Amino acid sequence: MKTESIMSNKAFLDTAESLKPHLYRKTVTLPGKAESLNRGDEATYDFGKHLTGRVRLVLSGEGHHPDAPVWLRLRFAERLTELSESLEDYRGWISTSWIQEEELRVDVLPAEIRLPRRYAFRYLRIEVRGISSRFSLKIREVSCEAATSADEEAPEKLHFRDPLLDRVDEVACATLRECMQEVFEDGPKRDRRLWLGDLRLQALTNYETFRNNDLVKRCLYLFAGTALADGSLPTCLFTEPEVEGDDQYMFDYSLLFAKALQDYHKETGDRKTAEELWPTVKAQFAAAEGFFGPDGLIRVPEGAEHWCFVDWNLELDKETAALGIWLYCAEAALSLAETAGDEAFRRELSEKMSARRKAAEALFDPAAGLFVSGPARQISLASQIWAVLGGLTEDPEILSRAASAGALKIVSPYLMHYELEALMKLGRKEETLGVIRSYWGGMVRNGADTFWELYDPEDPDGSPYGGTIVNSYCHAWSCTPSYFLRRHFRDR
């Protein structure tokens, strides 16, 4: 759903600007290769860990005085497998300009070259596409000035009894660290911007790890300062060359602003921010009203596209999950209304919550013991997860029953986070830990040193974009195992 214009609240944006973080910078340097390179040769560098920053090359010639430019192709990769994929073969719908490849010609050797763009990578392959036959190329040094707003001294390193959990926590912290730039980016490779749904999960993990709470506050004010024309919030925003909200709205992401603000208030006790941003919360619930039918259930407006995210499963019917999300966020709004002293709104919202929970009884299939969604009465794990989190059921077996019934599966770590929340709410702590071991542990076993945007254990190299070469393999919404492990499982 699109809106035509964007409002700008200068006071909110000024507050956000005052909270702009310091970036910690650290240079990682690798020595050059011993061999000389000629046309068709290549050299691959492994920096040992994921880095987000700017690259410098030190090059020289060997043999005859260089009598022609050196034509180089540079390929950056978060996973080694990306280097086996071809830009030319990619046919997906995400722009090819996100693919981290560069070509440059070096006219004079020796040379020290600082590449202008920022990259997110662990591996760098340098290919010599053209060079005179009268000399060879020597790569003397390759370095990256890595940057993050996460304090390098944090977080405290924990030691669990299970080495796999140690590694999962380490990788989750690394994922968040790389995404902590001037805002909480969703992914430093792609899309390099602040998304509302991602923000909430990053903030939760930050409270247990780096504790850069001013960065959370900055991001909340950035969203409040870039509301759409009707007061609703954009799904994401850009920070360069100046702050600008995207012109797209999503039902679930805008509502999650309430939950993110409640989390922040609970963590910091910052009542002033909660009160100042309270009108922004109210605007999200006003915007959401257009998605409800007279029966109190979600009805997707005709022609609406990308109206709600929930998960990257492209077959998912989202109506029941969306109702659960509204109820979940409404609980947060009740708490914020009390903080803001808005008794009239709190009373009105409570009445709507009661009515919509009653209406949701029509979504429950007694024979299956599960919630259904949409005209086809689809059964998905997403619907059951959000039924739990929205307070529609306390059945401790509902997620297991859904899985046994072949419910439509989860494909993103984003929704997996909410499965963990649902399991914890149902008192299934051991199952929660089991999911962390199997799902995020599965990425670790597949070589992840930062967690991925997408992970389907049955199809580890799947992509909703039409090609994995544009997948993000360091993605913020995947960082939350550290939140659960550090808050609930320190004794494991």
Protein backbone atom coordinates (compact mmCIF):
# COMPACT_ATOMS: atom_id res chain seq x y z
CA MET A 1 0.00 0.00 0.00
CA LYS A 2 1.36 3.41 -0.98
CA THR A 3 0.75 6.88 0.30
CA GLU A 4 1.42 10.02 -1.68
CA SER A 5 3.57 12.12 0.59
CA ILE A 6 5.76 12.09 3.65
CA MET A 7 5.67 14.39 6.63
CA SER A 8 8.86 15.50 8.35
CA ASN A 9 9.00 16.31 12.04
CA LYS A 10 12.09 18.49 12.39
CA ALA A 11 12.15 18.30 16.19
CA PHE A 12 12.19 14.51 16.09
CA LEU A 13 14.86 14.47 13.38
CA ASP A 14 16.99 16.93 15.36
CA THR A 15 16.78 14.62 18.37
CA ALA A 16 17.83 11.70 16.17
CA GLU A 17 20.75 13.69 14.77
CA SER A 18 21.96 14.51 18.29
CA LEU A 19 22.16 10.77 18.95
CA LYS A 20 24.24 9.96 15.86
CA PRO A 21 26.83 7.42 17.05
CA HIS A 22 30.60 7.38 16.92
CA LEU A 23 31.94 4.70 14.57
CA TYR A 24 34.75 2.54 15.88
CA ARG A 25 37.28 1.82 13.13
CA LYS A 26 39.83 -0.95 12.93
CA THR A 27 42.12 -1.84 10.04
CA VAL A 28 42.61 -5.49 9.13
CA THR A 29 45.60 -6.07 6.83
CA LEU A 30 46.55 -9.15 4.83
CA PRO A 31 49.93 -9.57 3.13
CA GLY A 32 50.06 -9.90 -0.62
CA LYS A 33 50.51 -13.15 -2.48
CA ALA A 34 54.00 -14.32 -3.34
CA GLU A 35 53.18 -15.15 -6.96
CA SER A 36 53.09 -12.65 -9.80
CA LEU A 37 49.81 -12.38 -11.71
CA ASN A 38 49.25 -12.30 -15.44
CA ARG A 39 46.15 -12.20 -17.62
CA GLY A 40 43.58 -14.75 -16.44
CA ASP A 41 45.21 -15.22 -13.03
CA GLU A 42 43.39 -14.57 -9.76
CA ALA A 43 44.11 -14.29 -6.05
CA THR A 44 41.57 -14.96 -3.30
CA TYR A 45 41.85 -13.44 0.18
CA ASP A 46 40.13 -14.69 3.32
CA PHE A 47 39.95 -12.03 6.03
CA GLY A 48 38.96 -14.67 8.58
CA LYS A 49 35.73 -12.98 9.63
CA HIS A 50 32.97 -10.80 8.24
CA LEU A 51 33.97 -7.14 7.83
CA THR A 52 32.03 -4.01 6.91
CA GLY A 53 34.25 -1.24 5.64
CA ARG A 54 36.47 0.27 2.98
CA VAL A 55 39.22 -1.56 1.11
CA ARG A 56 42.74 -0.51 0.19
CA LEU A 57 45.05 -2.24 -2.30
CA VAL A 58 48.82 -1.83 -2.62
CA LEU A 59 49.98 -2.90 -6.09
CA SER A 60 53.20 -2.92 -8.08
CA GLY A 61 54.53 -4.20 -11.36
CA GLU A 62 57.27 -6.77 -11.93
CA GLY A 63 59.39 -7.09 -15.04
CA HIS A 64 59.34 -4.49 -17.80
CA HIS A 65 58.18 -0.97 -16.98
CA PRO A 66 54.34 -1.10 -17.12
CA ASP A 67 53.36 -0.10 -20.66
CA ALA A 68 49.56 -0.49 -20.38
CA PRO A 69 46.89 -0.25 -17.69
CA VAL A 70 46.06 -3.26 -15.52
CA TRP A 71 42.39 -4.25 -15.79
CA LEU A 72 41.12 -5.84 -12.57
CA ARG A 73 37.87 -7.41 -11.50
CA LEU A 74 37.17 -7.48 -7.75
CA ARG A 75 34.54 -9.76 -6.26
CA PHE A 76 33.50 -9.48 -2.61
CA ALA A 77 31.66 -12.31 -0.87
CA GLU A 78 30.16 -12.96 2.55
CA ARG A 79 30.21 -16.71 1.82
CA LEU A 80 32.80 -18.49 -0.27
CA THR A 81 30.06 -20.05 -2.40
CA GLU A 82 29.15 -16.59 -3.77
CA LEU A 83 32.42 -16.58 -5.68
CA SER A 84 31.21 -19.53 -7.75
CA GLU A 85 28.08 -17.66 -8.84
CA SER A 86 27.92 -15.49 -11.91
CA LEU A 87 26.44 -12.02 -12.22
CA GLU A 88 25.69 -12.78 -15.86
CA ASP A 89 23.51 -15.77 -14.89
CA TYR A 90 21.41 -13.83 -12.34
CA ARG A 91 17.79 -13.23 -13.47
CA GLY A 92 16.16 -12.14 -10.21
CA TRP A 93 14.10 -9.06 -9.41
CA ILE A 94 16.49 -7.42 -6.93
CA SER A 95 18.80 -4.99 -8.73
CA THR A 96 22.09 -6.44 -9.96
CA SER A 97 23.75 -3.26 -8.68
CA TRP A 98 23.72 -4.83 -5.20
CA ILE A 99 26.11 -7.55 -6.36
CA GLN A 100 29.50 -6.69 -4.89
CA GLU A 101 31.66 -6.67 -7.99
CA GLU A 102 33.89 -3.89 -9.29
CA GLU A 103 36.12 -3.41 -12.29
CA LEU A 104 38.92 -0.90 -12.38
CA ARG A 105 41.90 0.01 -14.54
CA VAL A 106 45.13 0.97 -12.87
CA ASP A 107 47.13 3.25 -15.17
CA VAL A 108 50.28 3.72 -13.10
CA LEU A 109 52.23 1.24 -10.96
CA PRO A 110 53.17 1.14 -8.18
CA ALA A 111 49.83 2.30 -6.80
CA GLU A 112 47.92 2.56 -3.56
CA ILE A 113 44.19 2.38 -4.29
CA ARG A 114 41.42 3.16 -1.82
CA LEU A 115 38.11 1.94 -3.16
CA PRO A 116 35.34 4.52 -2.67
CA ARG A 117 32.49 2.20 -1.79
CA ARG A 118 31.82 0.37 1.47
CA TYR A 119 31.68 -3.43 1.27
CA ALA A 120 30.39 -6.21 3.52
CA PHE A 121 32.46 -9.34 3.04
CA ARG A 122 34.85 -11.95 4.32
CA TYR A 123 36.34 -13.03 0.98
CA LEU A 124 37.86 -10.94 -1.81
CA ARG A 125 38.87 -12.34 -5.19
CA ILE A 126 41.02 -10.23 -7.48
CA GLU A 127 41.05 -11.33 -11.12
CA VAL A 128 43.41 -9.94 -13.75
CA ARG A 129 41.26 -9.40 -16.84
CA GLY A 130 43.84 -7.55 -18.87
CA ILE A 131 47.56 -6.76 -18.59
CA SER A 132 50.48 -6.24 -20.94
CA SER A 133 52.54 -9.34 -21.67
CA ARG A 134 55.66 -7.34 -20.83
CA PHE A 135 55.11 -7.21 -17.06
CA SER A 136 53.26 -8.94 -14.21
CA LEU A 137 51.15 -7.64 -11.34
CA LYS A 138 52.21 -7.98 -7.71
CA ILE A 139 49.65 -7.52 -4.94
CA ARG A 140 51.70 -6.26 -2.04
CA GLU A 141 48.96 -5.74 0.51
CA VAL A 142 45.18 -5.80 0.92
CA SER A 143 43.46 -4.14 3.87
CA CYS A 144 40.02 -3.17 5.10
CA GLU A 145 39.18 -0.35 7.48
CA ALA A 146 36.20 -1.94 9.22
CA ALA A 147 33.60 0.22 10.96
CA THR A 148 30.82 -0.33 13.49
CA SER A 149 29.08 1.68 16.20
CA ALA A 150 29.20 -1.36 18.50
CA ASP A 151 31.74 -1.05 21.30
CA GLU A 152 34.54 -3.51 20.54
CA GLU A 153 34.94 -4.18 24.28
CA ALA A 154 31.39 -5.56 24.45
CA PRO A 155 29.62 -7.82 24.90
CA GLU A 156 30.68 -9.96 27.83
CA LYS A 157 31.69 -13.35 26.48
CA LEU A 158 29.56 -16.14 27.89
CA HIS A 159 30.48 -19.80 28.20
CA PHE A 160 27.67 -22.32 27.91
CA ARG A 161 28.05 -25.99 28.66
CA ASP A 162 27.28 -26.72 25.00
CA PRO A 163 30.04 -25.53 22.61
CA LEU A 164 27.44 -25.17 19.85
CA LEU A 165 25.59 -22.57 21.92
CA ASP A 166 28.90 -20.74 22.48
CA ARG A 167 29.35 -20.54 18.74
CA VAL A 168 25.73 -19.55 18.04
CA ASP A 169 26.02 -16.71 20.55
CA GLU A 170 29.34 -15.58 19.08
CA VAL A 171 27.94 -15.55 15.53
CA ALA A 172 24.76 -13.76 16.61
CA CYS A 173 26.78 -11.03 18.33
CA ALA A 174 28.98 -10.66 15.24
CA THR A 175 25.86 -10.32 13.10
CA LEU A 176 24.48 -7.49 15.20
CA ARG A 177 27.89 -5.78 15.44
CA GLU A 178 28.25 -5.64 11.65
CA CYS A 179 24.75 -4.18 11.28
CA MET A 180 25.32 -1.46 13.89
CA GLN A 181 26.41 1.47 11.78
CA GLU A 182 24.93 5.00 12.01
CA VAL A 183 21.59 3.21 12.39
CA PHE A 184 20.65 -0.42 12.91
CA GLU A 185 21.01 -1.50 9.30
CA ASP A 186 19.11 -4.59 8.17
CA GLY A 187 22.14 -5.84 6.29
CA PRO A 188 25.45 -4.11 5.55
CA LYS A 189 25.60 -5.74 2.10
CA ARG A 190 21.94 -5.18 1.16
CA ASP A 191 19.78 -3.09 1.80
CA ARG A 192 21.90 -0.92 4.11
CA ARG A 193 18.91 0.84 5.61
CA LEU A 194 16.76 0.93 8.71
CA TRP A 195 13.69 -1.33 8.65
CA LEU A 196 11.07 -1.13 11.39
CA GLY A 197 10.51 -4.85 11.88
CA ASP A 198 14.25 -5.52 11.99
CA LEU A 199 14.79 -2.65 14.43
CA ARG A 200 12.66 -4.26 17.09
CA LEU A 201 14.70 -7.50 17.02
CA GLN A 202 18.05 -5.69 16.87
CA ALA A 203 17.09 -3.55 19.84
CA LEU A 204 16.14 -6.59 21.93
CA THR A 205 19.50 -8.22 21.26
CA ASN A 206 21.34 -4.95 21.84
CA TYR A 207 19.88 -4.71 25.36
CA GLU A 208 21.56 -8.03 26.22
CA THR A 209 24.84 -7.41 24.37
CA PHE A 210 26.26 -4.03 23.28
CA ARG A 211 23.78 -1.89 25.25
CA ASN A 212 24.00 1.04 22.85
CA ASN A 213 20.55 2.23 23.89
CA ASP A 214 21.03 5.68 22.38
CA LEU A 215 21.18 4.00 18.96
CA VAL A 216 17.76 2.47 19.61
CA LYS A 217 16.43 5.85 20.68
CA ARG A 218 17.89 7.48 17.56
CA CYS A 219 16.16 4.96 15.31
CA LEU A 220 12.80 5.41 17.05
CA TYR A 221 13.01 9.18 16.54
CA LEU A 222 14.06 8.74 12.91
CA PHE A 223 10.90 6.77 12.20
CA ALA A 224 8.69 9.17 14.13
CA GLY A 225 10.29 12.02 12.20
CA THR A 226 9.52 10.51 8.78
CA ALA A 227 5.88 9.51 9.11
CA LEU A 228 3.74 9.11 6.01
CA ALA A 229 1.02 11.65 5.24
CA ASP A 230 -1.62 9.92 7.38
CA GLY A 231 0.72 9.57 10.36
CA SER A 232 1.54 5.92 9.68
CA LEU A 233 5.18 4.92 9.50
CA PRO A 234 7.17 3.81 6.47
CA THR A 235 8.49 0.27 6.41
CA CYS A 236 12.05 1.54 6.15
CA LEU A 237 14.05 4.71 5.79
CA PHE A 238 17.21 5.98 4.15
CA THR A 239 19.82 8.13 5.90
CA GLU A 240 21.87 9.38 2.93
CA PRO A 241 22.22 11.94 1.49
CA GLU A 242 19.60 12.98 4.04
CA VAL A 243 17.02 11.18 6.15
CA GLU A 244 14.04 10.10 4.06
CA GLY A 245 11.33 7.54 4.74
CA ASP A 246 10.35 5.08 2.04
CA ASP A 247 6.88 5.60 0.60
CA GLN A 248 5.63 2.10 1.40
CA TYR A 249 3.57 1.05 4.41
CA MET A 250 3.21 -2.44 5.87
CA PHE A 251 0.57 -3.29 8.46
CA ASP A 252 2.75 -5.37 10.76
CA TYR A 253 5.91 -3.30 10.61
CA SER A 254 4.16 -0.03 11.49
CA LEU A 255 2.38 -1.63 14.46
CA LEU A 256 5.64 -3.06 15.77
CA PHE A 257 6.76 0.51 16.50
CA ALA A 258 4.56 0.25 19.59
CA LYS A 259 6.31 -2.91 20.74
CA ALA A 260 9.76 -1.47 20.03
CA LEU A 261 8.94 1.67 22.03
CA GLN A 262 7.52 -0.37 24.91
CA ASP A 263 10.66 -2.55 24.96
CA TYR A 264 12.84 0.58 25.00
CA HIS A 265 10.84 2.19 27.82
CA LYS A 266 10.94 -1.01 29.87
CA GLU A 267 14.68 -1.35 29.37
CA THR A 268 15.71 2.26 29.99
CA GLY A 269 12.91 3.85 32.03
CA ASP A 270 13.03 6.79 29.59
CA ARG A 271 9.54 8.14 30.24
CA LYS A 272 10.10 11.35 28.27
CA THR A 273 10.71 9.45 25.02
CA ALA A 274 7.71 7.17 25.63
CA GLU A 275 5.45 10.19 26.17
CA GLU A 276 6.87 12.18 23.26
CA LEU A 277 6.45 9.32 20.79
CA TRP A 278 3.07 8.21 22.12
CA PRO A 279 1.11 10.13 19.41
CA THR A 280 3.13 8.21 16.80
CA VAL A 281 1.98 4.94 18.37
CA LYS A 282 -1.66 6.04 18.28
CA ALA A 283 -1.34 6.93 14.59
CA GLN A 284 -0.30 3.34 13.78
CA PHE A 285 -3.49 1.96 15.29
CA ALA A 286 -5.59 4.52 13.45
CA ALA A 287 -3.96 3.50 10.14
CA ALA A 288 -4.53 -0.21 10.88
CA GLU A 289 -8.31 0.23 11.24
CA GLY A 290 -8.76 0.20 7.48
CA PHE A 291 -7.72 -3.46 7.38
CA PHE A 292 -10.59 -4.68 9.60
CA GLY A 293 -13.95 -5.80 8.29
CA PRO A 294 -17.25 -5.32 10.13
CA ASP A 295 -16.84 -8.81 11.62
CA GLY A 296 -13.71 -7.71 13.48
CA LEU A 297 -11.37 -9.80 11.34
CA ILE A 298 -8.61 -8.73 8.98
CA ARG A 299 -9.71 -8.27 5.39
CA VAL A 300 -7.02 -7.47 2.85
CA PRO A 301 -8.09 -4.50 0.72
CA GLU A 302 -8.62 -5.41 -2.92
CA GLY A 303 -5.49 -4.84 -4.95
CA ALA A 304 -3.29 -4.45 -1.88
CA GLU A 305 0.21 -5.77 -2.50
CA HIS A 306 3.00 -6.20 0.06
CA TRP A 307 0.53 -4.99 2.71
CA CYS A 308 2.02 -7.15 5.46
CA PHE A 309 5.31 -9.05 5.78
CA VAL A 310 5.13 -11.81 8.48
CA ASP A 311 7.60 -14.09 6.65
CA TRP A 312 9.30 -14.66 3.30
CA ASN A 313 7.17 -17.72 2.52
CA LEU A 314 5.53 -16.54 -0.70
CA GLU A 315 2.59 -18.96 -0.28
CA LEU A 316 1.60 -17.61 3.12
CA ASP A 317 -1.92 -16.27 3.75
CA LYS A 318 -1.33 -13.54 6.33
CA GLU A 319 -4.78 -12.56 7.58
CA THR A 320 -4.81 -14.57 10.82
CA ALA A 321 -1.17 -13.77 11.59
CA ALA A 322 -1.92 -10.07 11.04
CA LEU A 323 -4.73 -10.18 13.58
CA GLY A 324 -2.39 -11.80 16.09
CA ILE A 325 0.21 -9.12 15.40
CA TRP A 326 -2.38 -6.38 15.99
CA LEU A 327 -3.34 -7.94 19.34
CA TYR A 328 0.31 -8.40 20.33
CA CYS A 329 1.13 -4.77 19.58
CA ALA A 330 -2.10 -3.58 21.19
CA GLU A 331 -0.91 -5.08 24.49
CA ALA A 332 2.21 -2.94 24.19
CA ALA A 333 0.08 0.11 23.37
CA LEU A 334 -2.01 -0.43 26.52
CA SER A 335 1.15 -0.20 28.61
CA LEU A 336 2.31 2.92 26.78
CA ALA A 337 -1.13 4.53 27.11
CA GLU A 338 -0.88 4.11 30.86
CA THR A 339 2.58 5.71 30.84
CA ALA A 340 1.27 8.60 28.73
CA GLY A 341 -1.87 9.00 30.88
CA ASP A 342 -4.18 8.46 27.91
CA GLU A 343 -7.02 6.69 29.67
CA ALA A 344 -9.58 7.31 26.90
CA PHE A 345 -7.41 5.56 24.29
CA ARG A 346 -6.56 2.74 26.69
CA ARG A 347 -10.25 2.09 27.36
CA GLU A 348 -11.18 2.22 23.65
CA LEU A 349 -8.33 -0.11 22.69
CA SER A 350 -9.22 -2.59 25.43
CA GLU A 351 -12.76 -2.83 24.10
CA LYS A 352 -11.52 -3.46 20.56
CA MET A 353 -9.13 -6.13 21.77
CA SER A 354 -11.93 -7.99 23.57
CA ALA A 355 -14.20 -7.81 20.53
CA ARG A 356 -11.51 -8.95 18.10
CA ARG A 357 -10.43 -11.85 20.28
CA LYS A 358 -14.06 -12.95 20.32
CA ALA A 359 -14.25 -12.59 16.54
CA ALA A 360 -11.10 -14.71 16.16
CA GLU A 361 -12.98 -17.74 17.47
CA ALA A 362 -14.27 -18.09 13.89
CA LEU A 363 -10.69 -18.72 12.76
CA PHE A 364 -10.25 -21.80 14.92
CA ASP A 365 -10.85 -25.22 13.35
CA PRO A 366 -11.93 -27.53 16.22
CA ALA A 367 -11.34 -30.69 14.21
CA ALA A 368 -7.72 -29.79 13.50
CA GLY A 369 -7.22 -27.96 16.78
CA LEU A 370 -5.53 -25.19 14.78
CA PHE A 371 -6.14 -21.69 13.48
CA VAL A 372 -6.85 -21.23 9.77
CA SER A 373 -6.35 -18.21 7.53
CA GLY A 374 -8.01 -16.80 4.43
CA PRO A 375 -10.68 -18.13 2.08
CA ALA A 376 -8.77 -21.38 1.55
CA ARG A 377 -8.53 -21.88 5.34
CA GLN A 378 -4.79 -22.29 5.11
CA ILE A 379 -2.96 -23.85 8.08
CA SER A 380 0.47 -22.33 8.68
CA LEU A 381 2.94 -22.14 11.52
CA ALA A 382 2.76 -18.35 11.20
CA SER A 383 -0.93 -18.33 12.11
CA GLN A 384 -0.36 -20.51 15.19
CA ILE A 385 2.63 -18.46 16.35
CA TRP A 386 0.73 -15.19 16.19
CA ALA A 387 -2.37 -16.75 17.72
CA VAL A 388 -0.22 -17.58 20.75
CA LEU A 389 1.48 -14.19 20.89
CA GLY A 390 -1.82 -12.40 20.34
CA GLY A 391 -3.39 -14.18 23.32
CA LEU A 392 -5.85 -16.27 21.29
CA THR A 393 -4.67 -19.57 22.76
CA GLU A 394 -2.56 -20.96 25.59
CA ASP A 395 -2.50 -24.49 24.20
CA PRO A 396 1.07 -25.71 24.84
CA GLU A 397 0.81 -28.31 22.06
CA ILE A 398 -0.45 -26.09 19.25
CA LEU A 399 2.88 -25.55 17.51
CA SER A 400 3.78 -29.24 17.67
CA ARG A 401 0.32 -30.13 16.36
CA ALA A 402 0.72 -27.71 13.47
CA ALA A 403 4.09 -29.15 12.51
CA SER A 404 2.68 -32.70 12.61
CA ALA A 405 -0.22 -31.58 10.41
CA GLY A 406 2.16 -30.38 7.71
CA ALA A 407 1.45 -26.69 8.30
CA LEU A 408 3.04 -24.21 5.89
CA LYS A 409 6.59 -23.79 7.14
CA ILE A 410 8.74 -20.83 8.19
CA VAL A 411 11.56 -19.73 5.88
CA SER A 412 13.07 -16.66 7.58
CA PRO A 413 14.96 -16.16 10.85
CA TYR A 414 12.62 -13.19 11.38
CA LEU A 415 9.57 -15.39 11.96
CA MET A 416 11.72 -17.99 13.72
CA HIS A 417 12.35 -15.33 16.38
CA TYR A 418 8.64 -15.08 17.00
CA GLU A 419 8.35 -18.87 17.15
CA LEU A 420 10.89 -18.72 19.98
CA GLU A 421 8.85 -16.00 21.70
CA ALA A 422 5.73 -18.16 21.35
CA LEU A 423 7.48 -21.23 22.75
CA MET A 424 8.73 -19.23 25.72
CA LYS A 425 5.25 -17.85 26.35
CA LEU A 426 3.90 -21.41 26.37
CA GLY A 427 6.57 -22.49 28.86
CA ARG A 428 8.40 -24.68 26.32
CA LYS A 429 11.93 -23.64 27.30
CA GLU A 430 13.64 -26.86 26.23
CA GLU A 431 11.97 -26.71 22.82
CA THR A 432 13.11 -23.10 22.49
CA LEU A 433 16.69 -24.18 23.10
CA GLY A 434 16.22 -27.06 20.67
CA VAL A 435 15.12 -24.69 17.89
CA ILE A 436 18.15 -22.48 18.51
CA ARG A 437 20.43 -25.52 18.25
CA SER A 438 18.77 -26.94 15.14
CA TYR A 439 17.99 -23.76 13.18
CA TRP A 440 20.76 -21.30 13.99
CA GLY A 441 23.08 -24.20 14.75
CA GLY A 442 22.28 -25.42 11.24
CA MET A 443 23.65 -22.19 9.79
CA VAL A 444 26.76 -22.59 11.94
CA ARG A 445 27.20 -26.11 10.61
CA ASN A 446 26.89 -24.64 7.11
CA GLY A 447 29.85 -22.38 7.84
CA ALA A 448 28.10 -19.16 8.89
CA ASP A 449 30.25 -16.62 10.72
CA THR A 450 27.34 -14.18 10.61
CA PHE A 451 23.71 -15.26 10.38
CA TRP A 452 21.75 -15.10 7.16
CA GLU A 453 18.70 -13.23 5.93
CA LEU A 454 17.11 -16.53 4.90
CA TYR A 455 17.62 -20.09 5.97
CA ASP A 456 15.46 -23.03 5.04
CA PRO A 457 17.10 -26.24 6.33
CA GLU A 458 15.47 -28.14 3.46
CA ASP A 459 16.81 -25.64 0.91
CA PRO A 460 19.81 -23.83 2.41
CA ASP A 461 20.56 -21.98 -0.81
CA GLY A 462 17.01 -20.82 -1.51
CA SER A 463 16.13 -17.22 -2.32
CA PRO A 464 12.89 -15.26 -2.79
CA TYR A 465 14.77 -12.90 -5.08
CA GLY A 466 15.43 -15.25 -7.98
CA GLY A 467 19.07 -15.87 -7.14
CA THR A 468 21.24 -16.34 -4.05
CA ILE A 469 23.95 -13.99 -5.30
CA VAL A 470 21.86 -11.11 -3.90
CA ASN A 471 21.04 -12.84 -0.61
CA SER A 472 22.30 -11.12 2.52
CA TYR A 473 24.45 -13.44 4.64
CA CYS A 474 24.81 -10.97 7.50
CA HIS A 475 21.30 -9.90 8.36
CA ALA A 476 20.16 -8.19 11.51
CA TRP A 477 16.89 -10.00 12.09
CA SER A 478 18.91 -13.21 12.54
CA CYS A 479 20.82 -12.00 15.61
CA THR A 480 18.26 -12.81 18.32
CA PRO A 481 19.64 -16.13 19.60
CA SER A 482 21.93 -13.95 21.73
CA TYR A 483 18.86 -12.26 23.19
CA PHE A 484 17.30 -15.58 24.24
CA LEU A 485 20.53 -17.24 25.34
CA ARG A 486 21.67 -14.31 27.45
CA ARG A 487 18.28 -13.52 28.97
CA HIS A 488 16.92 -17.01 29.57
CA PHE A 489 19.69 -19.65 29.26
CA ARG A 490 22.82 -18.36 30.98
CA ASP A 491 22.92 -21.54 33.06
CA ARG A 492 23.12 -23.79 29.99
